[in-house]
Amino acid sequence: GKVRMGVIANRVNARTKGGQRLQLFLSDLHLPV
């Protein structure tokens, strides 16, 4: 934990399946978005 990591969801279009899959992917990994 000596380096703070933040994830950036990039090029997201929430209305597309790709954008929705990315949000689920990050949620499942419990990453700090």
ModelCIF file with pLDDT and N, C-alpha, C, O atoms, coordinates in Angstrom:
data_MODEL
#
_entry.id   MODEL 
#
_entity.id                         1 
_entity.type                       polymer 
_entity.pdbx_number_of_molecules   1 
#
_entity_poly.entity_id                      1 
_entity_poly.type                           'polypeptide(L)' 
_entity_poly.nstd_linkage                   no 
_entity_poly.nstd_monomer                   no 
_entity_poly.pdbx_seq_one_letter_code       GKVRMGVIANRVNARTKGGQRLQLFLSDLHLPV 
_entity_poly.pdbx_seq_one_letter_code_can   GKVRMGVIANRVNARTKGGQRLQLFLSDLHLPV 
_entity_poly.pdbx_strand_id                 A 
#
loop_
_entity_poly_seq.entity_id 
_entity_poly_seq.num 
_entity_poly_seq.mon_id 
_entity_poly_seq.hetero 
1 1  GLY n 
1 2  LYS n 
1 3  VAL n 
1 4  ARG n 
1 5  MET n 
1 6  GLY n 
1 7  VAL n 
1 8  ILE n 
1 9  ALA n 
1 10 ASN n 
1 11 ARG n 
1 12 VAL n 
1 13 ASN n 
1 14 ALA n 
1 15 ARG n 
1 16 THR n 
1 17 LYS n 
1 18 GLY n 
1 19 GLY n 
1 20 GLN n 
1 21 ARG n 
1 22 LEU n 
1 23 GLN n 
1 24 LEU n 
1 25 PHE n 
1 26 LEU n 
1 27 SER n 
1 28 ASP n 
1 29 LEU n 
1 30 HIS n 
1 31 LEU n 
1 32 PRO n 
1 33 VAL n 
#
_struct_asym.id          A 
_struct_asym.entity_id   1 
#
loop_
_ma_qa_metric.id 
_ma_qa_metric.mode 
_ma_qa_metric.name 
_ma_qa_metric.software_group_id 
_ma_qa_metric.type 
1 global pLDDT . pLDDT 
2 local  pLDDT . pLDDT 
#
_ma_qa_metric_global.metric_id      1 
_ma_qa_metric_global.metric_value   82.21 
_ma_qa_metric_global.model_id       1 
_ma_qa_metric_global.ordinal_id     1 
#
loop_
_ma_qa_metric_local.label_asym_id 
_ma_qa_metric_local.label_comp_id 
_ma_qa_metric_local.label_seq_id 
_ma_qa_metric_local.metric_id 
_ma_qa_metric_local.metric_value 
_ma_qa_metric_local.model_id 
_ma_qa_metric_local.ordinal_id 
A GLY 1  2 77.00 1 1  
A LYS 2  2 81.00 1 2  
A VAL 3  2 88.00 1 3  
A ARG 4  2 91.00 1 4  
A MET 5  2 90.00 1 5  
A GLY 6  2 91.00 1 6  
A VAL 7  2 92.00 1 7  
A ILE 8  2 93.00 1 8  
A ALA 9  2 91.00 1 9  
A ASN 10 2 89.00 1 10 
A ARG 11 2 86.00 1 11 
A VAL 12 2 85.00 1 12 
A ASN 13 2 75.00 1 13 
A ALA 14 2 70.00 1 14 
A ARG 15 2 71.00 1 15 
A THR 16 2 72.00 1 16 
A LYS 17 2 74.00 1 17 
A GLY 18 2 68.00 1 18 
A GLY 19 2 71.00 1 19 
A GLN 20 2 80.00 1 20 
A ARG 21 2 84.00 1 21 
A LEU 22 2 85.00 1 22 
A GLN 23 2 82.00 1 23 
A LEU 24 2 85.00 1 24 
A PHE 25 2 87.00 1 25 
A LEU 26 2 84.00 1 26 
A SER 27 2 82.00 1 27 
A ASP 28 2 83.00 1 28 
A LEU 29 2 78.00 1 29 
A HIS 30 2 79.00 1 30 
A LEU 31 2 78.00 1 31 
A PRO 32 2 82.00 1 32 
A VAL 33 2 89.00 1 33 
#
loop_
_atom_site.group_PDB 
_atom_site.id 
_atom_site.type_symbol 
_atom_site.label_atom_id 
_atom_site.label_alt_id 
_atom_site.label_comp_id 
_atom_site.label_asym_id 
_atom_site.label_entity_id 
_atom_site.label_seq_id 
_atom_site.pdbx_PDB_ins_code 
_atom_site.Cartn_x 
_atom_site.Cartn_y 
_atom_site.Cartn_z 
_atom_site.occupancy 
_atom_site.B_iso_or_equiv 
_atom_site.pdbx_formal_charge 
_atom_site.auth_seq_id 
_atom_site.auth_comp_id 
_atom_site.auth_asym_id 
_atom_site.auth_atom_id 
_atom_site.pdbx_PDB_model_num 
ATOM 1   N N  . GLY A 1 1  ? 0.781   -1.231 0.000   1.00 77.00 ? 1  GLY A N  1 
ATOM 2   C CA . GLY A 1 1  ? 0.000   0.000  0.000   1.00 77.00 ? 1  GLY A CA 1 
ATOM 3   C C  . GLY A 1 1  ? 0.809   1.277  0.000   1.00 77.00 ? 1  GLY A C  1 
ATOM 4   O O  . GLY A 1 1  ? 0.293   2.338  0.351   1.00 77.00 ? 1  GLY A O  1 
ATOM 5   N N  . LYS A 1 2  ? 2.077   1.193  -0.390  1.00 81.00 ? 2  LYS A N  1 
ATOM 6   C CA . LYS A 1 2  ? 2.905   2.402  -0.415  1.00 81.00 ? 2  LYS A CA 1 
ATOM 7   C C  . LYS A 1 2  ? 2.675   3.245  -1.664  1.00 81.00 ? 2  LYS A C  1 
ATOM 8   O O  . LYS A 1 2  ? 3.135   4.384  -1.747  1.00 81.00 ? 2  LYS A O  1 
ATOM 9   N N  . VAL A 1 3  ? 1.969   2.685  -2.621  1.00 88.00 ? 3  VAL A N  1 
ATOM 10  C CA . VAL A 1 3  ? 1.566   3.420  -3.819  1.00 88.00 ? 3  VAL A CA 1 
ATOM 11  C C  . VAL A 1 3  ? 0.044   3.382  -3.888  1.00 88.00 ? 3  VAL A C  1 
ATOM 12  O O  . VAL A 1 3  ? -0.552  2.305  -3.873  1.00 88.00 ? 3  VAL A O  1 
ATOM 13  N N  . ARG A 1 4  ? -0.583  4.543  -3.962  1.00 91.00 ? 4  ARG A N  1 
ATOM 14  C CA . ARG A 1 4  ? -2.038  4.605  -4.074  1.00 91.00 ? 4  ARG A CA 1 
ATOM 15  C C  . ARG A 1 4  ? -2.434  4.415  -5.535  1.00 91.00 ? 4  ARG A C  1 
ATOM 16  O O  . ARG A 1 4  ? -1.981  5.158  -6.407  1.00 91.00 ? 4  ARG A O  1 
ATOM 17  N N  . MET A 1 5  ? -3.274  3.427  -5.800  1.00 90.00 ? 5  MET A N  1 
ATOM 18  C CA . MET A 1 5  ? -3.708  3.197  -7.166  1.00 90.00 ? 5  MET A CA 1 
ATOM 19  C C  . MET A 1 5  ? -5.141  3.642  -7.373  1.00 90.00 ? 5  MET A C  1 
ATOM 20  O O  . MET A 1 5  ? -6.018  3.366  -6.553  1.00 90.00 ? 5  MET A O  1 
ATOM 21  N N  . GLY A 1 6  ? -5.369  4.334  -8.482  1.00 91.00 ? 6  GLY A N  1 
ATOM 22  C CA . GLY A 1 6  ? -6.711  4.694  -8.899  1.00 91.00 ? 6  GLY A CA 1 
ATOM 23  C C  . GLY A 1 6  ? -6.936  4.255  -10.332 1.00 91.00 ? 6  GLY A C  1 
ATOM 24  O O  . GLY A 1 6  ? -6.085  4.471  -11.195 1.00 91.00 ? 6  GLY A O  1 
ATOM 25  N N  . VAL A 1 7  ? -8.066  3.646  -10.582 1.00 92.00 ? 7  VAL A N  1 
ATOM 26  C CA . VAL A 1 7  ? -8.424  3.212  -11.929 1.00 92.00 ? 7  VAL A CA 1 
ATOM 27  C C  . VAL A 1 7  ? -9.264  4.286  -12.604 1.00 92.00 ? 7  VAL A C  1 
ATOM 28  O O  . VAL A 1 7  ? -10.116 4.914  -11.975 1.00 92.00 ? 7  VAL A O  1 
ATOM 29  N N  . ILE A 1 8  ? -9.011  4.487  -13.892 1.00 93.00 ? 8  ILE A N  1 
ATOM 30  C CA . ILE A 1 8  ? -9.798  5.429  -14.688 1.00 93.00 ? 8  ILE A CA 1 
ATOM 31  C C  . ILE A 1 8  ? -10.522 4.638  -15.766 1.00 93.00 ? 8  ILE A C  1 
ATOM 32  O O  . ILE A 1 8  ? -9.890  4.036  -16.633 1.00 93.00 ? 8  ILE A O  1 
ATOM 33  N N  . ALA A 1 9  ? -11.840 4.642  -15.710 1.00 91.00 ? 9  ALA A N  1 
ATOM 34  C CA . ALA A 1 9  ? -12.638 4.040  -16.774 1.00 91.00 ? 9  ALA A CA 1 
ATOM 35  C C  . ALA A 1 9  ? -12.608 5.014  -17.947 1.00 91.00 ? 9  ALA A C  1 
ATOM 36  O O  . ALA A 1 9  ? -13.115 6.131  -17.844 1.00 91.00 ? 9  ALA A O  1 
ATOM 37  N N  . ASN A 1 10 ? -12.020 4.595  -19.050 1.00 89.00 ? 10 ASN A N  1 
ATOM 38  C CA . ASN A 1 10 ? -11.723 5.526  -20.144 1.00 89.00 ? 10 ASN A CA 1 
ATOM 39  C C  . ASN A 1 10 ? -12.552 5.226  -21.395 1.00 89.00 ? 10 ASN A C  1 
ATOM 40  O O  . ASN A 1 10 ? -12.859 4.074  -21.701 1.00 89.00 ? 10 ASN A O  1 
ATOM 41  N N  . ARG A 1 11 ? -12.903 6.302  -22.107 1.00 86.00 ? 11 ARG A N  1 
ATOM 42  C CA . ARG A 1 11 ? -13.684 6.224  -23.348 1.00 86.00 ? 11 ARG A CA 1 
ATOM 43  C C  . ARG A 1 11 ? -14.990 5.467  -23.131 1.00 86.00 ? 11 ARG A C  1 
ATOM 44  O O  . ARG A 1 11 ? -15.332 4.565  -23.896 1.00 86.00 ? 11 ARG A O  1 
ATOM 45  N N  . VAL A 1 12 ? -15.702 5.839  -22.095 1.00 85.00 ? 12 VAL A N  1 
ATOM 46  C CA . VAL A 1 12 ? -16.919 5.132  -21.703 1.00 85.00 ? 12 VAL A CA 1 
ATOM 47  C C  . VAL A 1 12 ? -18.146 5.769  -22.338 1.00 85.00 ? 12 VAL A C  1 
ATOM 48  O O  . VAL A 1 12 ? -18.317 6.988  -22.307 1.00 85.00 ? 12 VAL A O  1 
ATOM 49  N N  . ASN A 1 13 ? -18.982 4.938  -22.904 1.00 75.00 ? 13 ASN A N  1 
ATOM 50  C CA . ASN A 1 13 ? -20.328 5.325  -23.313 1.00 75.00 ? 13 ASN A CA 1 
ATOM 51  C C  . ASN A 1 13 ? -21.273 4.410  -22.558 1.00 75.00 ? 13 ASN A C  1 
ATOM 52  O O  . ASN A 1 13 ? -21.414 3.234  -22.894 1.00 75.00 ? 13 ASN A O  1 
ATOM 53  N N  . ALA A 1 14 ? -21.917 4.954  -21.540 1.00 70.00 ? 14 ALA A N  1 
ATOM 54  C CA . ALA A 1 14 ? -22.723 4.139  -20.629 1.00 70.00 ? 14 ALA A CA 1 
ATOM 55  C C  . ALA A 1 14 ? -23.894 3.467  -21.331 1.00 70.00 ? 14 ALA A C  1 
ATOM 56  O O  . ALA A 1 14 ? -24.466 2.512  -20.805 1.00 70.00 ? 14 ALA A O  1 
ATOM 57  N N  . ARG A 1 15 ? -24.255 3.954  -22.513 1.00 71.00 ? 15 ARG A N  1 
ATOM 58  C CA . ARG A 1 15 ? -25.407 3.384  -23.226 1.00 71.00 ? 15 ARG A CA 1 
ATOM 59  C C  . ARG A 1 15 ? -25.023 2.176  -24.072 1.00 71.00 ? 15 ARG A C  1 
ATOM 60  O O  . ARG A 1 15 ? -25.894 1.497  -24.615 1.00 71.00 ? 15 ARG A O  1 
ATOM 61  N N  . THR A 1 16 ? -23.731 1.904  -24.185 1.00 72.00 ? 16 THR A N  1 
ATOM 62  C CA . THR A 1 16 ? -23.286 0.761  -24.989 1.00 72.00 ? 16 THR A CA 1 
ATOM 63  C C  . THR A 1 16 ? -23.005 -0.441 -24.103 1.00 72.00 ? 16 THR A C  1 
ATOM 64  O O  . THR A 1 16 ? -22.785 -0.309 -22.899 1.00 72.00 ? 16 THR A O  1 
ATOM 65  N N  . LYS A 1 17 ? -23.016 -1.624 -24.727 1.00 74.00 ? 17 LYS A N  1 
ATOM 66  C CA . LYS A 1 17 ? -22.725 -2.836 -23.972 1.00 74.00 ? 17 LYS A CA 1 
ATOM 67  C C  . LYS A 1 17 ? -21.283 -2.836 -23.473 1.00 74.00 ? 17 LYS A C  1 
ATOM 68  O O  . LYS A 1 17 ? -20.998 -3.331 -22.382 1.00 74.00 ? 17 LYS A O  1 
ATOM 69  N N  . GLY A 1 18 ? -20.356 -2.265 -24.291 1.00 68.00 ? 18 GLY A N  1 
ATOM 70  C CA . GLY A 1 18 ? -18.965 -2.193 -23.868 1.00 68.00 ? 18 GLY A CA 1 
ATOM 71  C C  . GLY A 1 18 ? -18.797 -1.379 -22.600 1.00 68.00 ? 18 GLY A C  1 
ATOM 72  O O  . GLY A 1 18 ? -18.087 -1.796 -21.685 1.00 68.00 ? 18 GLY A O  1 
ATOM 73  N N  . GLY A 1 19 ? -19.443 -0.221 -22.533 1.00 71.00 ? 19 GLY A N  1 
ATOM 74  C CA . GLY A 1 19 ? -19.375 0.614  -21.337 1.00 71.00 ? 19 GLY A CA 1 
ATOM 75  C C  . GLY A 1 19 ? -19.953 -0.077 -20.124 1.00 71.00 ? 19 GLY A C  1 
ATOM 76  O O  . GLY A 1 19 ? -19.419 0.033  -19.020 1.00 71.00 ? 19 GLY A O  1 
ATOM 77  N N  . GLN A 1 20 ? -21.057 -0.798 -20.334 1.00 80.00 ? 20 GLN A N  1 
ATOM 78  C CA . GLN A 1 20 ? -21.680 -1.521 -19.225 1.00 80.00 ? 20 GLN A CA 1 
ATOM 79  C C  . GLN A 1 20 ? -20.805 -2.674 -18.745 1.00 80.00 ? 20 GLN A C  1 
ATOM 80  O O  . GLN A 1 20 ? -20.706 -2.935 -17.546 1.00 80.00 ? 20 GLN A O  1 
ATOM 81  N N  . ARG A 1 21 ? -20.164 -3.369 -19.706 1.00 84.00 ? 21 ARG A N  1 
ATOM 82  C CA . ARG A 1 21 ? -19.267 -4.475 -19.319 1.00 84.00 ? 21 ARG A CA 1 
ATOM 83  C C  . ARG A 1 21 ? -18.070 -3.957 -18.534 1.00 84.00 ? 21 ARG A C  1 
ATOM 84  O O  . ARG A 1 21 ? -17.617 -4.605 -17.590 1.00 84.00 ? 21 ARG A O  1 
ATOM 85  N N  . LEU A 1 22 ? -17.559 -2.801 -18.918 1.00 85.00 ? 22 LEU A N  1 
ATOM 86  C CA . LEU A 1 22 ? -16.417 -2.235 -18.198 1.00 85.00 ? 22 LEU A CA 1 
ATOM 87  C C  . LEU A 1 22 ? -16.796 -1.913 -16.757 1.00 85.00 ? 22 LEU A C  1 
ATOM 88  O O  . LEU A 1 22 ? -16.035 -2.204 -15.834 1.00 85.00 ? 22 LEU A O  1 
ATOM 89  N N  . GLN A 1 23 ? -17.958 -1.320 -16.564 1.00 82.00 ? 23 GLN A N  1 
ATOM 90  C CA . GLN A 1 23 ? -18.389 -0.992 -15.206 1.00 82.00 ? 23 GLN A CA 1 
ATOM 91  C C  . GLN A 1 23 ? -18.540 -2.257 -14.362 1.00 82.00 ? 23 GLN A C  1 
ATOM 92  O O  . GLN A 1 23 ? -18.169 -2.265 -13.188 1.00 82.00 ? 23 GLN A O  1 
ATOM 93  N N  . LEU A 1 24 ? -19.075 -3.315 -14.944 1.00 85.00 ? 24 LEU A N  1 
ATOM 94  C CA . LEU A 1 24 ? -19.211 -4.585 -14.221 1.00 85.00 ? 24 LEU A CA 1 
ATOM 95  C C  . LEU A 1 24 ? -17.848 -5.199 -13.911 1.00 85.00 ? 24 LEU A C  1 
ATOM 96  O O  . LEU A 1 24 ? -17.628 -5.738 -12.827 1.00 85.00 ? 24 LEU A O  1 
ATOM 97  N N  . PHE A 1 25 ? -16.939 -5.107 -14.883 1.00 87.00 ? 25 PHE A N  1 
ATOM 98  C CA . PHE A 1 25 ? -15.580 -5.630 -14.708 1.00 87.00 ? 25 PHE A CA 1 
ATOM 99  C C  . PHE A 1 25 ? -14.892 -4.965 -13.516 1.00 87.00 ? 25 PHE A C  1 
ATOM 100 O O  . PHE A 1 25 ? -14.314 -5.644 -12.668 1.00 87.00 ? 25 PHE A O  1 
ATOM 101 N N  . LEU A 1 26 ? -14.958 -3.645 -13.458 1.00 84.00 ? 26 LEU A N  1 
ATOM 102 C CA . LEU A 1 26 ? -14.310 -2.907 -12.374 1.00 84.00 ? 26 LEU A CA 1 
ATOM 103 C C  . LEU A 1 26 ? -14.999 -3.163 -11.044 1.00 84.00 ? 26 LEU A C  1 
ATOM 104 O O  . LEU A 1 26 ? -14.346 -3.250 -10.004 1.00 84.00 ? 26 LEU A O  1 
ATOM 105 N N  . SER A 1 27 ? -16.310 -3.284 -11.081 1.00 82.00 ? 27 SER A N  1 
ATOM 106 C CA . SER A 1 27 ? -17.055 -3.555 -9.850  1.00 82.00 ? 27 SER A CA 1 
ATOM 107 C C  . SER A 1 27 ? -16.703 -4.931 -9.287  1.00 82.00 ? 27 SER A C  1 
ATOM 108 O O  . SER A 1 27 ? -16.543 -5.091 -8.077  1.00 82.00 ? 27 SER A O  1 
ATOM 109 N N  . ASP A 1 28 ? -16.586 -5.912 -10.161 1.00 83.00 ? 28 ASP A N  1 
ATOM 110 C CA . ASP A 1 28 ? -16.265 -7.271 -9.713  1.00 83.00 ? 28 ASP A CA 1 
ATOM 111 C C  . ASP A 1 28 ? -14.870 -7.357 -9.099  1.00 83.00 ? 28 ASP A C  1 
ATOM 112 O O  . ASP A 1 28 ? -14.632 -8.160 -8.197  1.00 83.00 ? 28 ASP A O  1 
ATOM 113 N N  . LEU A 1 29 ? -13.947 -6.522 -9.593  1.00 78.00 ? 29 LEU A N  1 
ATOM 114 C CA . LEU A 1 29 ? -12.580 -6.537 -9.074  1.00 78.00 ? 29 LEU A CA 1 
ATOM 115 C C  . LEU A 1 29 ? -12.414 -5.654 -7.836  1.00 78.00 ? 29 LEU A C  1 
ATOM 116 O O  . LEU A 1 29 ? -11.346 -5.625 -7.225  1.00 78.00 ? 29 LEU A O  1 
ATOM 117 N N  . HIS A 1 30 ? -13.472 -4.941 -7.474  1.00 79.00 ? 30 HIS A N  1 
ATOM 118 C CA . HIS A 1 30 ? -13.447 -4.046 -6.309  1.00 79.00 ? 30 HIS A CA 1 
ATOM 119 C C  . HIS A 1 30 ? -12.300 -3.031 -6.402  1.00 79.00 ? 30 HIS A C  1 
ATOM 120 O O  . HIS A 1 30 ? -11.580 -2.799 -5.430  1.00 79.00 ? 30 HIS A O  1 
ATOM 121 N N  . LEU A 1 31 ? -12.147 -2.442 -7.569  1.00 78.00 ? 31 LEU A N  1 
ATOM 122 C CA . LEU A 1 31 ? -11.085 -1.473 -7.780  1.00 78.00 ? 31 LEU A CA 1 
ATOM 123 C C  . LEU A 1 31 ? -11.578 -0.052 -7.502  1.00 78.00 ? 31 LEU A C  1 
ATOM 124 O O  . LEU A 1 31 ? -12.744 0.258  -7.750  1.00 78.00 ? 31 LEU A O  1 
ATOM 125 N N  . PRO A 1 32 ? -10.699 0.809  -6.990  1.00 82.00 ? 32 PRO A N  1 
ATOM 126 C CA . PRO A 1 32 ? -11.077 2.203  -6.725  1.00 82.00 ? 32 PRO A CA 1 
ATOM 127 C C  . PRO A 1 32 ? -11.141 2.992  -8.033  1.00 82.00 ? 32 PRO A C  1 
ATOM 128 O O  . PRO A 1 32 ? -10.105 3.378  -8.576  1.00 82.00 ? 32 PRO A O  1 
ATOM 129 N N  . VAL A 1 33 ? -12.340 3.230  -8.534  1.00 89.00 ? 33 VAL A N  1 
ATOM 130 C CA . VAL A 1 33 ? -12.517 3.992  -9.771  1.00 89.00 ? 33 VAL A CA 1 
ATOM 131 C C  . VAL A 1 33 ? -12.556 5.471  -9.408  1.00 89.00 ? 33 VAL A C  1 
ATOM 132 O O  . VAL A 1 33 ? -12.698 6.320  -10.289 1.00 89.00 ? 33 VAL A O  1 
#
